[in-house]
N, C-alpha and C. Protein backbone atom coordinates (compact mmCIF):
# COMPACT_ATOMS: atom_id res chain seq x y z
N MET A 1 69.75 -46.98 13.57
CA MET A 1 69.17 -46.14 12.19
C MET A 1 67.80 -45.64 11.93
N LEU A 2 67.83 -44.56 12.17
CA LEU A 2 66.23 -44.23 11.77
C LEU A 2 66.30 -43.22 10.41
N ALA A 3 65.10 -43.44 9.97
CA ALA A 3 65.19 -42.68 8.80
C ALA A 3 63.30 -42.92 8.63
N LEU A 4 63.02 -41.21 8.28
CA LEU A 4 61.86 -40.81 8.22
C LEU A 4 60.88 -41.48 9.53
N GLY A 5 61.56 -41.39 10.43
CA GLY A 5 61.02 -41.74 11.99
C GLY A 5 60.63 -43.46 12.03
N LYS A 6 61.49 -44.12 10.90
CA LYS A 6 61.17 -45.36 11.40
C LYS A 6 62.69 -46.01 11.48
N ILE A 7 62.57 -47.15 12.47
CA ILE A 7 64.03 -47.68 12.59
C ILE A 7 63.98 -48.92 10.79
N VAL A 8 65.02 -48.60 10.79
CA VAL A 8 66.01 -49.51 9.05
C VAL A 8 66.94 -50.30 9.54
N GLY A 9 67.72 -50.04 10.83
CA GLY A 9 68.82 -50.88 11.12
C GLY A 9 69.72 -50.39 12.29
N VAL A 10 70.52 -51.20 12.49
CA VAL A 10 71.59 -51.05 13.55
C VAL A 10 72.82 -51.60 13.13
N ILE A 11 73.53 -50.38 13.74
CA ILE A 11 74.84 -50.39 14.02
C ILE A 11 75.63 -50.41 15.19
N HIS A 12 76.28 -51.79 15.53
CA HIS A 12 76.33 -52.31 16.74
C HIS A 12 77.94 -52.09 16.88
N LEU A 13 78.79 -51.30 17.73
CA LEU A 13 80.08 -50.91 18.22
C LEU A 13 80.46 -51.99 19.15
N GLU A 14 81.67 -52.27 19.29
CA GLU A 14 81.72 -53.21 20.54
C GLU A 14 83.52 -52.99 20.97
N SER A 15 83.81 -52.89 22.20
CA SER A 15 85.35 -52.54 22.49
C SER A 15 85.39 -53.36 23.60
N THR A 16 86.44 -53.80 23.72
CA THR A 16 86.68 -54.66 25.39
C THR A 16 87.37 -53.60 26.46
N SER A 17 87.61 -52.42 25.82
CA SER A 17 88.60 -51.22 26.67
C SER A 17 87.06 -50.55 27.29
N LEU A 18 86.87 -50.13 28.57
CA LEU A 18 86.26 -48.86 29.03
C LEU A 18 86.17 -47.88 28.38
N ASN A 19 85.31 -46.96 28.12
CA ASN A 19 85.30 -45.81 27.68
C ASN A 19 85.73 -45.83 26.42
N ALA A 20 85.58 -46.65 25.66
CA ALA A 20 86.57 -46.54 24.36
C ALA A 20 86.47 -45.75 23.55
N PHE A 21 85.10 -45.19 23.50
CA PHE A 21 84.31 -44.33 22.35
C PHE A 21 84.38 -43.11 23.04
N ASP A 22 84.76 -41.93 22.37
CA ASP A 22 85.27 -40.66 22.92
C ASP A 22 83.73 -39.95 22.17
N PRO A 23 83.39 -38.77 22.72
CA PRO A 23 82.02 -38.16 22.23
C PRO A 23 82.43 -37.75 20.90
N GLU A 24 83.47 -37.73 20.06
CA GLU A 24 83.69 -37.37 18.59
C GLU A 24 83.66 -38.61 17.67
N SER A 25 84.02 -39.83 18.49
CA SER A 25 83.64 -41.09 17.71
C SER A 25 82.48 -41.10 17.67
N VAL A 26 81.74 -40.90 18.92
CA VAL A 26 80.25 -41.37 19.10
C VAL A 26 79.40 -40.66 17.78
N ARG A 27 79.78 -39.33 17.84
CA ARG A 27 79.12 -38.55 16.97
C ARG A 27 79.36 -38.73 15.35
N VAL A 28 80.71 -39.16 15.38
CA VAL A 28 80.86 -39.40 13.65
C VAL A 28 80.01 -40.63 13.13
N VAL A 29 80.16 -41.47 13.95
CA VAL A 29 78.92 -42.44 14.06
C VAL A 29 77.81 -42.60 13.60
N THR A 30 77.10 -41.62 14.70
CA THR A 30 75.90 -41.12 14.61
C THR A 30 75.65 -40.71 13.30
N ARG A 31 76.50 -39.67 13.12
CA ARG A 31 75.98 -39.36 11.34
C ARG A 31 76.17 -40.12 10.05
N VAL A 32 77.17 -41.09 10.49
CA VAL A 32 77.25 -41.94 9.40
C VAL A 32 75.76 -43.14 9.09
N ALA A 33 75.42 -43.32 10.49
CA ALA A 33 74.36 -44.17 10.60
C ALA A 33 72.98 -43.59 10.23
N GLU A 34 72.91 -42.17 10.38
CA GLU A 34 72.06 -41.29 9.52
C GLU A 34 72.11 -41.43 8.47
N ASN A 35 73.43 -41.20 7.95
CA ASN A 35 73.41 -40.99 6.35
C ASN A 35 72.98 -42.20 5.81
N VAL A 36 73.64 -43.76 6.55
CA VAL A 36 73.23 -44.76 5.84
C VAL A 36 71.74 -44.92 5.74
N GLY A 37 70.94 -44.94 6.72
CA GLY A 37 69.57 -44.86 7.22
C GLY A 37 68.67 -43.86 6.05
N LEU A 38 69.51 -42.85 5.65
CA LEU A 38 68.67 -42.01 4.62
C LEU A 38 68.84 -42.91 3.53
N ALA A 39 69.94 -43.43 2.95
CA ALA A 39 70.12 -43.81 2.00
C ALA A 39 69.57 -45.51 1.59
N MET A 40 69.08 -46.23 2.75
CA MET A 40 68.37 -47.23 2.52
C MET A 40 66.73 -46.52 2.47
N ALA A 41 66.63 -45.76 3.25
CA ALA A 41 65.01 -45.51 2.84
C ALA A 41 64.77 -44.75 1.13
N ASN A 42 66.04 -44.13 0.78
CA ASN A 42 66.00 -43.50 -0.52
C ASN A 42 65.62 -44.50 -1.83
N ALA A 43 66.11 -45.75 -1.26
CA ALA A 43 66.73 -46.93 -2.00
C ALA A 43 65.28 -47.71 -2.27
N ARG A 44 64.41 -47.97 -0.99
CA ARG A 44 63.06 -48.59 -0.82
C ARG A 44 62.48 -47.58 -1.48
N LEU A 45 62.52 -46.30 -1.54
CA LEU A 45 61.31 -45.50 -1.92
C LEU A 45 61.71 -45.48 -3.51
N MET A 46 62.66 -45.58 -3.96
CA MET A 46 63.19 -45.32 -5.32
C MET A 46 62.28 -46.73 -6.22
N LYS A 47 62.22 -47.73 -5.42
CA LYS A 47 61.58 -48.95 -6.06
C LYS A 47 60.51 -49.19 -5.87
N THR A 48 59.94 -48.39 -4.99
CA THR A 48 58.63 -48.15 -4.92
C THR A 48 58.33 -47.31 -5.96
N MET A 49 58.54 -46.23 -6.28
CA MET A 49 58.17 -45.43 -7.18
C MET A 49 58.00 -46.23 -8.39
N GLU A 50 59.37 -46.76 -8.90
CA GLU A 50 59.85 -47.54 -10.08
C GLU A 50 58.65 -48.41 -10.45
N GLY A 51 58.36 -49.38 -9.19
CA GLY A 51 57.06 -50.10 -9.76
C GLY A 51 55.83 -49.67 -9.45
N GLN A 52 55.59 -48.40 -9.17
CA GLN A 52 54.24 -47.66 -9.52
C GLN A 52 54.16 -46.62 -11.05
N ALA A 53 55.43 -46.62 -11.32
CA ALA A 53 55.46 -46.06 -12.79
C ALA A 53 55.72 -47.15 -13.78
N MET A 54 55.49 -48.24 -13.28
CA MET A 54 55.80 -49.10 -14.36
C MET A 54 53.97 -49.89 -14.79
N SER A 55 52.91 -49.43 -13.93
CA SER A 55 51.72 -50.34 -13.65
C SER A 55 50.74 -49.19 -13.80
N ASP A 56 49.80 -49.55 -14.47
CA ASP A 56 48.85 -48.74 -14.31
C ASP A 56 48.33 -48.97 -12.57
N PRO A 57 47.38 -48.35 -12.35
CA PRO A 57 47.09 -47.97 -10.53
C PRO A 57 45.78 -48.72 -10.28
N LEU A 58 44.81 -48.40 -11.64
CA LEU A 58 43.35 -49.17 -11.35
C LEU A 58 43.65 -50.78 -12.06
N THR A 59 44.09 -50.88 -13.17
CA THR A 59 44.28 -52.58 -13.59
C THR A 59 45.40 -53.28 -12.79
N GLY A 60 46.34 -52.65 -12.59
CA GLY A 60 47.68 -53.23 -12.29
C GLY A 60 48.16 -53.77 -13.28
N LEU A 61 48.08 -53.64 -14.42
CA LEU A 61 48.64 -54.15 -15.71
C LEU A 61 49.82 -53.20 -15.89
N ARG A 62 50.99 -54.23 -17.07
CA ARG A 62 52.00 -53.04 -17.17
C ARG A 62 51.65 -52.18 -18.02
N ASN A 63 52.32 -50.74 -17.88
CA ASN A 63 51.96 -49.57 -19.05
C ASN A 63 53.15 -49.87 -20.04
N THR A 64 53.00 -48.52 -20.71
CA THR A 64 54.30 -48.58 -21.88
C THR A 64 55.15 -48.60 -21.30
N ARG A 65 55.51 -47.21 -19.98
CA ARG A 65 56.84 -47.21 -19.43
C ARG A 65 57.70 -48.44 -19.15
N SER A 66 57.04 -49.57 -18.77
CA SER A 66 57.47 -51.01 -18.32
C SER A 66 57.93 -51.62 -19.71
N PHE A 67 57.60 -50.98 -20.98
CA PHE A 67 58.45 -52.00 -22.40
C PHE A 67 59.60 -50.91 -22.78
N ASP A 68 59.76 -49.45 -22.32
CA ASP A 68 60.68 -48.95 -22.69
C ASP A 68 62.14 -49.63 -22.71
N PRO A 69 62.45 -49.93 -21.75
CA PRO A 69 63.94 -50.76 -21.36
C PRO A 69 64.13 -51.73 -22.62
N THR A 70 63.02 -52.22 -22.32
CA THR A 70 63.05 -53.71 -23.10
C THR A 70 63.26 -53.11 -24.91
N SER A 71 62.61 -52.40 -25.31
CA SER A 71 62.72 -52.17 -26.41
C SER A 71 64.05 -51.21 -26.83
N SER A 72 64.49 -50.42 -25.73
CA SER A 72 65.64 -49.81 -26.43
C SER A 72 66.86 -50.87 -26.21
N ARG A 73 66.83 -51.72 -25.53
CA ARG A 73 67.75 -52.94 -25.27
C ARG A 73 67.71 -53.47 -26.91
N SER A 74 66.62 -53.83 -27.70
CA SER A 74 66.35 -54.69 -28.64
C SER A 74 66.69 -53.95 -30.10
N SER A 75 66.63 -52.64 -29.64
CA SER A 75 66.95 -51.54 -30.79
C SER A 75 68.09 -51.75 -31.39
N LYS A 76 69.14 -51.74 -29.69
CA LYS A 76 70.60 -51.69 -30.15
C LYS A 76 71.13 -53.31 -30.49
N ARG A 77 70.43 -54.23 -30.28
CA ARG A 77 70.82 -55.69 -31.13
C ARG A 77 70.91 -55.76 -32.07
N PRO A 78 70.49 -55.28 -33.00
CA PRO A 78 70.79 -54.94 -34.40
C PRO A 78 72.41 -54.72 -34.84
N ALA A 79 72.79 -53.36 -34.38
CA ALA A 79 73.94 -53.02 -34.09
C ALA A 79 75.09 -53.79 -34.06
N VAL A 80 74.83 -54.70 -32.95
CA VAL A 80 75.78 -55.68 -32.63
C VAL A 80 76.00 -56.71 -33.68
N THR A 81 74.80 -57.00 -33.66
CA THR A 81 74.80 -58.41 -34.85
C THR A 81 75.09 -58.01 -36.30
N SER A 82 74.67 -56.96 -36.40
CA SER A 82 74.67 -56.36 -38.10
C SER A 82 73.72 -56.75 -39.00
N SER A 83 72.49 -57.66 -38.05
CA SER A 83 71.55 -58.09 -38.99
C SER A 83 70.09 -56.98 -38.85
N PRO A 84 69.55 -56.89 -40.48
CA PRO A 84 68.49 -55.62 -40.47
C PRO A 84 67.56 -55.88 -39.88
N ARG A 85 66.97 -54.92 -39.62
CA ARG A 85 65.48 -54.89 -38.81
C ARG A 85 64.77 -53.77 -39.15
N ALA A 86 63.27 -54.74 -39.09
CA ALA A 86 62.22 -53.75 -39.59
C ALA A 86 61.23 -52.89 -38.89
N TRP A 87 60.85 -51.64 -39.06
CA TRP A 87 60.40 -50.84 -37.91
C TRP A 87 59.00 -50.64 -38.51
N SER A 88 58.01 -50.66 -38.17
CA SER A 88 56.72 -50.22 -38.64
C SER A 88 56.40 -48.63 -37.79
């Protein structure tokens, strides 16, 4: 499987019969492999971009975006436990 010119995986098909895979089957498997390869490359790119968005490129420290998911989780907690919460 290729994605953006790099090998990202292999799909191995095997059969005990000779000429078991007709050209149409090979074409379908090739398309599936291309789509799976692109999906894998997109997932890796998304993970990289999320990591870059969560930290300052100069210092490497976490920025405010990295705290957003945490604050939204903690703001939902009082609604579940019915405890008061003070905001400043």
